[in-house]
Amino acid sequence: MSVPLLSALIFFPIIGSLSLLFVRRENSHTIRLMALIVSLIELLLSLPLWFLFDKSTYRMQFTEFHPWISAFNINYHLGIDGISILFILLSTLITTLSILVSWNSIQEKVKEFFISLLFLEGAMIGVFCALDFFLFYIFWEAMLIPMFLIIGIWGGPKRLYATVKFFLYTLIGSLLMLIGIITLYRAGGNTFNILELAGQSYPLKLQMILFWAFFAAFAVKVPMWPVHTWLPDAHTEAPAAGSVILAGILIKMGAYGFLRFSMPILPEATKAMMIPMVILSLIGIIYGAIICVAQTDLKRLIAYSSVSHMGFVTLGLYSLNTQSMEGGILQMINHGVVTGAMFLAIGMIYERTHTRAIADYGGLATTMPVFASFFLLFTLASVGLPGTNGFIGEFLILLGGFLNRPWAAFFAATGLILGAWYMLWLYQRIFFNPVNDKVVGLPEMTGREIATLVPMVVLIFWIGLYPNSMLSFMHVSVAHLLDQVHGTTTVADAVETVRQLAM
């Protein structure tokens, strides 16, 4: 009998979160320690996926199947491929680091906070494992609840505004996706099985309708321009751990949705919408970068940089060739690492100064040289310095984009230049300007803080110097996905068919 490893990964943190209910509220140190132990065990539980995964096949692995609601053909169906495995591993790491960075910063409702964090971890992993659309939707919605609480209870002064905005954007998108799922269920022969649905063909008109229904949910989550406006507010008001999980995992859900559902199930619509998606991605890249230059709040600047970076991701995915798609997936991991590290670092400095205004900093390289070194590395990785992980992802995306449409690669490259400008300018203002009175005498990083950031440093150089260790997982799965998308028709055929339908 095989070990239900995926179920264990989903439900262990959820059970761990429920176990915290039995700890007395005043034992906050015990609560923190238990949450950390649960997250560490979860991290160890996820490691066998890395070593046991068979890279030679695109088929789902570690599968579990149990009938659930037979009347509606709903099943508890789990499995992972070379795309989803990387996000599960990233989720377990990011959650552990989020607990570490919250160790001292969360002083109120400590028990509720760590319960929310662990429950969120289980739901996130469920999204990446679900092979039944109904099950996927449950995990997708389940993520909303703890994230809503984390921003709404432990966030900044405008947390209620940010929470409501985040909730409304994602709820409206989710409802449209639910309509799409039900429509697909009927069209696909009354099944929620994602693999079966991807194996059927649907009329192009229906594909286009479903594409926009799913787009409403996935584009909001990415977030793509112009439905990105919830992200800066959510990031700005969220506690450090909330921002880290938002940047590290949650905003990857949308791009993952495009990969897992829109592309294999709706291949003709995907090809027909290729150019509009590329254009929206380019607008996101350049718009996000330009807005960054005008920001005065540290977290808000990094949040807008996420809009720009995730534009690269969708550009890579919708260029629809091997180089760009692998680059896009790798860039999702890279963004989770680098931007997650940025928010961890900002959380550490905010804990000391209680201000995020860029103008309140200056001369930090003098008072906190170790912190300055870490932040410099994250800055260089963010701008894509060769040798760091950011370079590999962006290079593959530009290469793939150039092969299909050189003009797209040209405009995307301007985003890189703008990115280098605002990030290096940010570094100069914070670390090299005259020492600001508000940073005089700040204590240097603690051992716990250094231990929190070191795994990110290792990943930055690991992926940057040995990218094939990550890319090798996705080669076969990406090739299979592109086969599903391209089939026997070309992009031009699909666009022409859509044009005729619209006439």
Protein backbone atom coordinates (compact mmCIF):
# COMPACT_ATOMS: atom_id res chain seq x y z
CA MET A 1 0.00 0.00 0.00
CA SER A 2 1.47 3.34 -1.07
CA VAL A 3 1.79 6.21 1.38
CA PRO A 4 -0.76 8.99 0.70
CA LEU A 5 1.97 11.60 0.72
CA LEU A 6 -0.05 14.38 -0.91
CA SER A 7 -2.91 13.98 1.57
CA ALA A 8 -0.38 14.09 4.37
CA LEU A 9 1.05 17.33 3.00
CA ILE A 10 -2.41 18.89 2.76
CA PHE A 11 -3.84 17.81 6.08
CA PHE A 12 -0.82 17.72 8.39
CA PRO A 13 -0.60 21.54 8.68
CA ILE A 14 -4.39 21.78 8.95
CA ILE A 15 -4.42 19.25 11.80
CA GLY A 16 -1.42 21.05 13.27
CA SER A 17 -3.33 24.32 13.19
CA LEU A 18 -6.30 22.71 14.95
CA SER A 19 -4.00 21.31 17.63
CA LEU A 20 -3.09 24.88 18.57
CA LEU A 21 -6.68 25.34 19.71
CA PHE A 22 -5.87 23.24 22.76
CA VAL A 23 -2.94 25.42 23.86
CA ARG A 24 -3.70 28.11 26.39
CA ARG A 25 -3.71 31.57 24.85
CA GLU A 26 -1.14 32.98 27.30
CA ASN A 27 1.42 30.31 26.31
CA SER A 28 2.42 32.29 23.25
CA HIS A 29 5.96 30.89 23.17
CA THR A 30 4.60 27.33 23.10
CA ILE A 31 2.22 28.31 20.28
CA ARG A 32 5.06 29.76 18.21
CA LEU A 33 7.23 26.73 18.88
CA MET A 34 4.48 24.28 17.94
CA ALA A 35 3.73 26.18 14.72
CA LEU A 36 7.41 26.15 13.80
CA ILE A 37 7.74 22.42 14.53
CA VAL A 38 4.65 21.64 12.42
CA SER A 39 6.00 23.71 9.52
CA LEU A 40 9.44 22.08 9.79
CA ILE A 41 7.94 18.58 9.76
CA GLU A 42 5.83 19.63 6.78
CA LEU A 43 8.98 20.85 5.02
CA LEU A 44 10.66 17.49 5.69
CA LEU A 45 7.54 15.65 4.50
CA SER A 46 7.72 17.46 1.17
CA LEU A 47 11.35 16.48 0.49
CA PRO A 48 10.55 12.90 -0.67
CA LEU A 49 8.67 14.46 -3.60
CA TRP A 50 11.97 15.86 -4.85
CA PHE A 51 13.84 12.56 -4.59
CA LEU A 52 11.09 10.15 -5.69
CA PHE A 53 9.67 12.15 -8.61
CA ASP A 54 10.08 10.49 -12.02
CA LYS A 55 11.21 13.21 -14.44
CA SER A 56 10.86 10.99 -17.50
CA THR A 57 7.06 11.10 -17.69
CA TYR A 58 4.41 13.79 -17.96
CA ARG A 59 1.86 11.62 -16.19
CA MET A 60 0.57 12.60 -12.77
CA GLN A 61 2.48 11.03 -9.89
CA PHE A 62 1.79 10.29 -6.21
CA THR A 63 -1.85 10.03 -7.30
CA GLU A 64 -4.71 9.35 -4.90
CA PHE A 65 -8.27 8.62 -5.96
CA HIS A 66 -11.28 8.06 -3.72
CA PRO A 67 -14.95 8.44 -4.71
CA TRP A 68 -16.48 11.30 -2.76
CA ILE A 69 -19.91 12.53 -3.97
CA SER A 70 -20.84 9.84 -6.47
CA ALA A 71 -24.16 11.42 -7.49
CA PHE A 72 -22.27 14.28 -9.12
CA ASN A 73 -19.15 12.34 -10.09
CA ILE A 74 -17.05 14.31 -7.60
CA ASN A 75 -13.92 12.56 -6.38
CA TYR A 76 -11.06 13.11 -4.00
CA HIS A 77 -8.42 13.03 -6.73
CA LEU A 78 -4.86 14.23 -6.17
CA GLY A 79 -1.65 14.12 -8.20
CA ILE A 80 1.30 16.26 -9.23
CA ASP A 81 3.44 16.70 -12.34
CA GLY A 82 6.72 18.44 -13.09
CA ILE A 83 5.07 21.85 -12.80
CA SER A 84 3.15 21.57 -9.55
CA ILE A 85 5.90 19.81 -7.56
CA LEU A 86 8.07 22.93 -7.49
CA PHE A 87 5.29 25.08 -6.04
CA ILE A 88 4.58 22.56 -3.28
CA LEU A 89 8.22 22.59 -2.21
CA LEU A 90 8.26 26.39 -2.34
CA SER A 91 5.07 26.54 -0.24
CA THR A 92 6.52 24.45 2.57
CA LEU A 93 9.71 26.54 2.66
CA ILE A 94 7.94 29.91 2.49
CA THR A 95 5.55 28.99 5.31
CA THR A 96 8.41 28.01 7.62
CA LEU A 97 10.21 31.28 6.92
CA SER A 98 6.98 33.23 7.44
CA ILE A 99 6.64 31.72 10.90
CA LEU A 100 10.22 32.68 11.73
CA VAL A 101 9.76 36.29 10.61
CA SER A 102 6.55 36.54 12.68
CA TRP A 103 8.24 35.30 15.86
CA ASN A 104 8.39 38.69 17.58
CA SER A 105 6.33 40.90 15.30
CA ILE A 106 3.01 39.22 16.11
CA GLN A 107 2.11 39.97 19.73
CA GLU A 108 -1.69 40.03 19.63
CA LYS A 109 -3.93 37.03 19.01
CA VAL A 110 -0.83 34.89 18.55
CA LYS A 111 -2.75 31.63 18.56
CA GLU A 112 -5.21 32.75 15.91
CA PHE A 113 -2.41 34.05 13.70
CA PHE A 114 -0.46 30.81 13.58
CA ILE A 115 -3.65 28.78 13.18
CA SER A 116 -4.44 30.91 10.11
CA LEU A 117 -0.93 30.52 8.73
CA LEU A 118 -0.87 26.72 9.02
CA PHE A 119 -4.39 26.34 7.67
CA LEU A 120 -3.40 28.53 4.71
CA GLU A 121 -0.43 26.25 4.03
CA GLY A 122 -2.66 23.19 3.78
CA ALA A 123 -5.08 24.94 1.44
CA MET A 124 -2.28 26.20 -0.82
CA ILE A 125 -0.81 22.73 -1.21
CA GLY A 126 -4.31 21.40 -1.91
CA VAL A 127 -4.63 23.78 -4.86
CA PHE A 128 -1.42 22.44 -6.40
CA CYS A 129 -2.44 18.80 -5.87
CA ALA A 130 -6.13 18.78 -6.86
CA LEU A 131 -7.07 16.89 -10.03
CA ASP A 132 -10.81 17.26 -9.50
CA PHE A 133 -12.22 20.67 -10.40
CA PHE A 134 -14.67 20.65 -7.47
CA LEU A 135 -11.88 19.82 -5.04
CA PHE A 136 -9.67 22.47 -6.61
CA TYR A 137 -12.37 25.10 -6.12
CA ILE A 138 -12.77 24.21 -2.45
CA PHE A 139 -9.05 24.63 -1.78
CA TRP A 140 -9.00 27.80 -3.94
CA GLU A 141 -11.73 29.38 -1.81
CA ALA A 142 -10.36 27.99 1.44
CA MET A 143 -7.22 30.06 0.91
CA LEU A 144 -9.28 33.23 1.00
CA ILE A 145 -10.41 32.82 4.61
CA PRO A 146 -7.04 32.73 6.44
CA MET A 147 -5.56 35.37 4.12
CA PHE A 148 -8.58 37.59 4.76
CA LEU A 149 -7.98 37.21 8.51
CA ILE A 150 -4.21 37.72 8.32
CA ILE A 151 -4.57 41.06 6.52
CA GLY A 152 -7.75 42.15 8.30
CA ILE A 153 -6.64 41.44 11.90
CA TRP A 154 -2.86 41.80 11.92
CA GLY A 155 -2.50 44.34 9.11
CA GLY A 156 -1.75 48.08 9.09
CA PRO A 157 -4.01 51.10 9.71
CA LYS A 158 -5.91 50.72 6.42
CA ARG A 159 -6.25 46.96 6.74
CA LEU A 160 -10.04 46.88 6.48
CA TYR A 161 -10.01 48.75 3.17
CA ALA A 162 -7.26 46.47 1.83
CA THR A 163 -9.04 43.35 3.06
CA VAL A 164 -12.39 44.23 1.55
CA LYS A 165 -10.74 45.13 -1.76
CA PHE A 166 -8.76 41.88 -1.80
CA PHE A 167 -11.84 39.88 -0.91
CA LEU A 168 -14.12 41.50 -3.52
CA TYR A 169 -11.63 41.16 -6.37
CA THR A 170 -10.93 37.52 -5.66
CA LEU A 171 -14.54 36.67 -4.84
CA ILE A 172 -15.91 38.10 -8.10
CA GLY A 173 -13.21 36.29 -10.05
CA SER A 174 -13.92 33.07 -8.22
CA LEU A 175 -17.66 33.27 -8.86
CA LEU A 176 -17.09 33.68 -12.58
CA MET A 177 -14.70 30.73 -12.48
CA LEU A 178 -17.38 28.68 -10.69
CA ILE A 179 -19.81 29.42 -13.52
CA GLY A 180 -17.13 28.31 -15.94
CA ILE A 181 -16.51 25.10 -13.98
CA ILE A 182 -20.22 24.20 -13.99
CA THR A 183 -20.45 24.94 -17.72
CA LEU A 184 -17.41 22.78 -18.36
CA TYR A 185 -18.85 20.01 -16.17
CA ARG A 186 -21.93 19.82 -18.39
CA ALA A 187 -20.01 20.16 -21.64
CA GLY A 188 -17.43 17.56 -20.61
CA GLY A 189 -19.92 14.78 -19.88
CA ASN A 190 -20.76 15.50 -16.24
CA THR A 191 -17.26 15.10 -14.88
CA PHE A 192 -14.99 17.28 -12.76
CA ASN A 193 -11.94 15.15 -13.57
CA ILE A 194 -9.39 17.65 -14.86
CA LEU A 195 -7.46 15.06 -16.86
CA GLU A 196 -10.64 13.82 -18.57
CA LEU A 197 -11.76 17.38 -19.31
CA ALA A 198 -8.37 18.13 -20.87
CA GLY A 199 -8.70 15.09 -23.11
CA GLN A 200 -11.86 16.32 -24.83
CA SER A 201 -12.47 18.93 -27.50
CA TYR A 202 -14.97 21.76 -27.21
CA PRO A 203 -16.44 24.19 -29.75
CA LEU A 204 -14.33 27.30 -30.10
CA LYS A 205 -17.18 29.58 -29.11
CA LEU A 206 -17.58 27.68 -25.83
CA GLN A 207 -13.80 27.72 -25.33
CA MET A 208 -13.76 31.50 -25.66
CA ILE A 209 -16.55 31.91 -23.09
CA LEU A 210 -14.79 29.58 -20.67
CA PHE A 211 -11.45 31.27 -21.30
CA TRP A 212 -12.84 34.62 -20.12
CA ALA A 213 -14.59 33.01 -17.13
CA PHE A 214 -11.31 31.47 -15.97
CA PHE A 215 -9.38 34.61 -16.93
CA ALA A 216 -11.49 36.58 -14.43
CA ALA A 217 -10.18 34.43 -11.58
CA PHE A 218 -6.64 33.77 -12.73
CA ALA A 219 -5.77 37.27 -13.99
CA VAL A 220 -6.87 38.78 -10.67
CA LYS A 221 -4.68 36.36 -8.75
CA VAL A 222 -1.56 36.89 -10.96
CA PRO A 223 -2.27 39.94 -10.85
CA MET A 224 -2.40 41.15 -14.45
CA TRP A 225 -2.98 44.74 -15.50
CA PRO A 226 -5.69 46.20 -15.17
CA VAL A 227 -7.03 43.96 -12.36
CA HIS A 228 -3.91 44.36 -10.23
CA THR A 229 -5.02 47.24 -8.00
CA TRP A 230 -5.82 45.08 -4.96
CA LEU A 231 -2.22 43.87 -4.67
CA PRO A 232 -0.40 47.08 -3.58
CA ASP A 233 -3.01 47.73 -0.89
CA ALA A 234 -2.93 44.12 0.33
CA HIS A 235 0.86 44.07 0.43
CA THR A 236 1.11 47.45 2.12
CA GLU A 237 -1.31 46.60 4.92
CA ALA A 238 -0.47 42.92 5.42
CA PRO A 239 1.96 41.86 8.18
CA ALA A 240 5.35 40.66 6.95
CA ALA A 241 4.31 37.00 6.84
CA GLY A 242 1.18 37.89 4.85
CA SER A 243 3.23 39.81 2.28
CA VAL A 244 5.74 36.97 2.02
CA ILE A 245 3.02 34.38 1.35
CA LEU A 246 1.19 36.70 -1.03
CA ALA A 247 4.33 37.30 -3.06
CA GLY A 248 5.78 33.84 -2.65
CA ILE A 249 2.78 31.64 -3.34
CA LEU A 250 -0.67 33.20 -3.64
CA ILE A 251 -0.04 35.34 -6.70
CA LYS A 252 1.42 32.25 -8.41
CA MET A 253 -1.98 30.59 -8.22
CA GLY A 254 -3.31 32.58 -11.17
CA ALA A 255 -0.44 31.68 -13.48
CA TYR A 256 -0.71 28.08 -12.30
CA GLY A 257 -4.42 28.18 -13.22
CA PHE A 258 -3.56 29.26 -16.74
CA LEU A 259 -1.12 26.35 -17.00
CA ARG A 260 -3.31 23.69 -15.43
CA PHE A 261 -6.72 24.63 -16.86
CA SER A 262 -6.87 27.34 -19.52
CA MET A 263 -4.12 25.95 -21.74
CA PRO A 264 -4.76 22.18 -21.80
CA ILE A 265 -8.57 22.36 -21.65
CA LEU A 266 -9.04 25.39 -23.91
CA PRO A 267 -6.19 25.14 -26.43
CA GLU A 268 -7.88 26.90 -29.36
CA ALA A 269 -8.98 29.83 -27.20
CA THR A 270 -5.48 29.98 -25.71
CA LYS A 271 -3.94 30.34 -29.16
CA ALA A 272 -6.58 32.84 -30.26
CA MET A 273 -5.93 34.98 -27.17
CA MET A 274 -2.16 34.74 -27.41
CA ILE A 275 -1.54 38.26 -28.72
CA PRO A 276 -3.94 40.05 -26.33
CA MET A 277 -2.34 38.18 -23.41
CA VAL A 278 1.14 39.14 -24.59
CA ILE A 279 0.07 42.80 -24.88
CA LEU A 280 -1.50 42.80 -21.41
CA SER A 281 1.70 41.25 -20.07
CA LEU A 282 3.85 43.94 -21.68
CA ILE A 283 1.64 46.70 -20.28
CA GLY A 284 1.99 45.11 -16.83
CA ILE A 285 5.79 44.94 -17.17
CA ILE A 286 6.25 48.56 -18.19
CA TYR A 287 3.41 50.09 -16.17
CA GLY A 288 4.48 48.30 -12.98
CA ALA A 289 8.08 49.42 -13.43
CA ILE A 290 7.17 53.08 -14.10
CA ILE A 291 4.86 53.23 -11.09
CA CYS A 292 7.65 51.83 -8.90
CA VAL A 293 9.77 54.91 -9.55
CA ALA A 294 7.14 57.17 -7.97
CA GLN A 295 6.61 55.12 -4.80
CA THR A 296 7.56 56.45 -1.37
CA ASP A 297 6.57 53.34 0.61
CA LEU A 298 8.96 50.37 0.71
CA LYS A 299 6.32 47.64 0.55
CA ARG A 300 4.27 49.45 -2.04
CA LEU A 301 7.32 49.71 -4.30
CA ILE A 302 8.04 45.99 -4.03
CA ALA A 303 4.33 45.28 -4.60
CA TYR A 304 4.31 47.21 -7.87
CA SER A 305 7.55 45.50 -8.87
CA SER A 306 5.60 42.24 -8.50
CA VAL A 307 3.11 43.48 -11.09
CA SER A 308 6.02 44.05 -13.45
CA HIS A 309 7.74 40.75 -12.68
CA MET A 310 4.54 38.74 -13.00
CA GLY A 311 4.06 40.41 -16.39
CA PHE A 312 7.24 38.61 -17.42
CA VAL A 313 5.72 35.37 -16.18
CA THR A 314 2.53 35.67 -18.25
CA LEU A 315 4.57 36.85 -21.23
CA GLY A 316 6.60 33.67 -20.94
CA LEU A 317 3.58 31.42 -20.60
CA TYR A 318 1.65 32.96 -23.49
CA SER A 319 4.58 33.04 -25.89
CA LEU A 320 3.72 29.34 -26.13
CA ASN A 321 7.11 27.84 -26.83
CA THR A 322 9.39 25.67 -24.72
CA GLN A 323 11.97 28.29 -23.79
CA SER A 324 9.51 30.96 -22.77
CA MET A 325 7.16 28.63 -20.90
CA GLU A 326 9.95 27.01 -18.88
CA GLY A 327 11.34 30.49 -18.27
CA GLY A 328 7.91 31.67 -17.11
CA ILE A 329 7.50 28.78 -14.69
CA LEU A 330 11.03 29.19 -13.37
CA GLN A 331 10.42 32.92 -12.99
CA MET A 332 7.40 32.15 -10.81
CA ILE A 333 9.73 30.26 -8.47
CA ASN A 334 12.37 33.00 -8.72
CA HIS A 335 9.87 35.71 -7.92
CA GLY A 336 8.66 33.73 -4.92
CA VAL A 337 12.22 33.46 -3.66
CA VAL A 338 13.49 36.98 -4.37
CA THR A 339 10.38 39.02 -3.61
CA GLY A 340 9.59 36.77 -0.66
CA ALA A 341 13.10 37.51 0.63
CA MET A 342 12.54 41.23 0.05
CA PHE A 343 9.40 41.22 2.16
CA LEU A 344 11.14 39.17 4.86
CA ALA A 345 13.91 41.79 4.97
CA ILE A 346 11.44 44.69 5.00
CA GLY A 347 9.56 43.01 7.84
CA MET A 348 12.80 42.82 9.84
CA ILE A 349 13.66 46.48 9.38
CA TYR A 350 10.07 47.57 10.01
CA GLU A 351 10.17 45.71 13.31
CA ARG A 352 12.98 48.07 14.35
CA THR A 353 11.77 51.40 12.94
CA HIS A 354 7.99 50.99 12.56
CA THR A 355 8.09 52.99 9.36
CA ARG A 356 8.04 51.97 5.70
CA ALA A 357 8.61 55.46 4.28
CA ILE A 358 11.72 55.38 2.10
CA ALA A 359 12.54 58.94 3.18
CA ASP A 360 12.89 57.75 6.80
CA TYR A 361 15.86 55.59 5.89
CA GLY A 362 19.37 56.43 4.73
CA GLY A 363 22.81 55.22 5.73
CA LEU A 364 21.66 51.75 6.73
CA ALA A 365 24.85 50.33 5.22
CA THR A 366 26.67 52.04 8.08
CA THR A 367 24.42 50.96 10.93
CA MET A 368 23.42 47.50 9.64
CA PRO A 369 26.13 46.25 7.25
CA VAL A 370 25.07 42.60 7.39
CA PHE A 371 21.48 43.53 6.58
CA ALA A 372 22.76 45.77 3.77
CA SER A 373 24.67 42.81 2.30
CA PHE A 374 21.60 40.58 2.28
CA PHE A 375 19.44 43.31 0.74
CA LEU A 376 22.07 44.02 -1.92
CA LEU A 377 22.03 40.38 -2.98
CA PHE A 378 18.22 40.37 -3.19
CA THR A 379 18.34 43.62 -5.20
CA LEU A 380 20.82 42.19 -7.68
CA ALA A 381 18.77 39.02 -8.05
CA SER A 382 15.66 41.14 -8.63
CA VAL A 383 17.33 43.06 -11.47
CA GLY A 384 18.52 39.80 -13.03
CA LEU A 385 22.28 39.87 -12.46
CA PRO A 386 23.95 36.86 -14.17
CA GLY A 387 24.75 34.17 -11.63
CA THR A 388 21.53 34.80 -9.73
CA ASN A 389 18.20 33.09 -10.29
CA GLY A 390 16.52 36.20 -11.73
CA PHE A 391 18.80 36.18 -14.74
CA ILE A 392 17.95 32.64 -15.85
CA GLY A 393 14.18 33.10 -15.84
CA GLU A 394 14.19 36.45 -17.62
CA PHE A 395 16.73 35.23 -20.19
CA LEU A 396 14.58 32.23 -21.14
CA ILE A 397 11.44 34.38 -21.36
CA LEU A 398 13.13 36.95 -23.60
CA LEU A 399 14.68 34.20 -25.72
CA GLY A 400 11.34 32.48 -26.23
CA GLY A 401 9.56 35.78 -26.79
CA PHE A 402 12.14 36.85 -29.36
CA LEU A 403 11.74 33.60 -31.30
CA ASN A 404 8.00 34.23 -31.68
CA ARG A 405 7.67 38.00 -31.69
CA PRO A 406 10.83 40.12 -31.48
CA TRP A 407 8.82 43.27 -30.77
CA ALA A 408 7.48 41.66 -27.57
CA ALA A 409 11.01 40.87 -26.40
CA PHE A 410 12.07 44.44 -27.17
CA PHE A 411 9.33 46.02 -25.04
CA ALA A 412 9.90 43.49 -22.26
CA ALA A 413 13.59 44.39 -22.24
CA THR A 414 12.71 48.02 -21.50
CA GLY A 415 11.04 46.71 -18.35
CA LEU A 416 14.37 45.20 -17.32
CA ILE A 417 16.10 48.55 -17.71
CA LEU A 418 13.41 50.31 -15.69
CA GLY A 419 13.62 47.55 -13.09
CA ALA A 420 17.35 48.04 -12.64
CA TRP A 421 16.76 51.78 -12.31
CA TYR A 422 14.16 51.74 -9.56
CA MET A 423 15.77 48.92 -7.56
CA LEU A 424 19.28 50.38 -7.56
CA TRP A 425 17.89 53.84 -6.82
CA LEU A 426 15.95 52.36 -3.93
CA TYR A 427 19.11 50.74 -2.61
CA GLN A 428 21.03 54.01 -2.85
CA ARG A 429 18.37 55.94 -0.92
CA ILE A 430 18.07 53.39 1.87
CA PHE A 431 21.65 52.33 2.37
CA PHE A 432 24.00 54.99 1.01
CA ASN A 433 22.38 58.37 1.58
CA PRO A 434 23.45 60.33 4.70
CA VAL A 435 22.54 58.47 7.88
CA ASN A 436 18.99 59.32 8.92
CA ASP A 437 18.38 59.98 12.62
CA LYS A 438 15.72 57.28 12.64
CA VAL A 439 18.22 54.53 11.83
CA VAL A 440 20.99 55.62 14.20
CA GLY A 441 21.75 52.89 16.72
CA LEU A 442 19.59 50.21 15.12
CA PRO A 443 20.66 46.72 16.22
CA GLU A 444 22.21 44.46 13.60
CA MET A 445 20.45 41.28 12.44
CA THR A 446 19.92 38.54 14.98
CA GLY A 447 20.87 34.91 14.43
CA ARG A 448 17.20 33.99 13.88
CA GLU A 449 16.87 36.66 11.21
CA ILE A 450 20.03 35.54 9.42
CA ALA A 451 18.83 31.92 9.55
CA THR A 452 15.53 33.08 7.99
CA LEU A 453 17.23 34.69 5.00
CA VAL A 454 20.02 32.17 4.37
CA PRO A 455 17.75 29.60 2.62
CA MET A 456 16.72 32.31 0.15
CA VAL A 457 20.37 33.16 -0.52
CA VAL A 458 21.12 29.49 -1.16
CA LEU A 459 18.20 29.25 -3.62
CA ILE A 460 19.23 32.43 -5.43
CA PHE A 461 22.68 31.02 -6.21
CA TRP A 462 21.51 27.42 -6.61
CA ILE A 463 19.00 28.28 -9.33
CA GLY A 464 21.27 30.93 -10.80
CA LEU A 465 24.26 28.63 -11.19
CA TYR A 466 22.53 25.26 -11.68
CA PRO A 467 19.10 26.03 -13.22
CA ASN A 468 18.75 22.60 -14.75
CA SER A 469 18.12 21.17 -11.29
CA MET A 470 14.74 22.96 -11.51
CA LEU A 471 14.17 22.96 -15.27
CA SER A 472 14.69 19.19 -15.49
CA PHE A 473 11.49 18.65 -13.49
CA MET A 474 9.39 20.57 -16.01
CA HIS A 475 10.90 19.53 -19.40
CA VAL A 476 8.53 16.63 -20.09
CA SER A 477 5.44 18.24 -18.55
CA VAL A 478 5.93 21.47 -20.51
CA ALA A 479 6.50 19.54 -23.76
CA HIS A 480 3.27 17.63 -23.17
CA LEU A 481 1.37 20.81 -22.35
CA LEU A 482 2.59 22.50 -25.54
CA ASP A 483 1.53 19.42 -27.52
CA GLN A 484 -1.94 19.77 -26.01
CA VAL A 485 -2.10 23.47 -26.87
CA HIS A 486 -0.77 23.36 -30.40
CA GLY A 487 -2.38 20.10 -31.53
CA THR A 488 -2.84 20.25 -35.29
CA THR A 489 -3.89 23.89 -35.68
CA THR A 490 -1.69 26.95 -35.72
CA VAL A 491 -2.11 30.23 -33.86
CA ALA A 492 -3.10 31.91 -37.12
CA ASP A 493 -5.83 29.29 -37.73
CA ALA A 494 -7.28 29.87 -34.27
CA VAL A 495 -7.26 33.66 -34.64
CA GLU A 496 -8.94 33.42 -38.05
CA THR A 497 -11.64 31.10 -36.68
CA VAL A 498 -12.36 33.51 -33.83
CA ARG A 499 -12.56 36.39 -36.31
CA GLN A 500 -15.09 34.50 -38.39
CA LEU A 501 -17.15 33.65 -35.31
CA ALA A 502 -17.25 37.30 -34.34
CA MET A 503 -18.50 38.42 -37.76
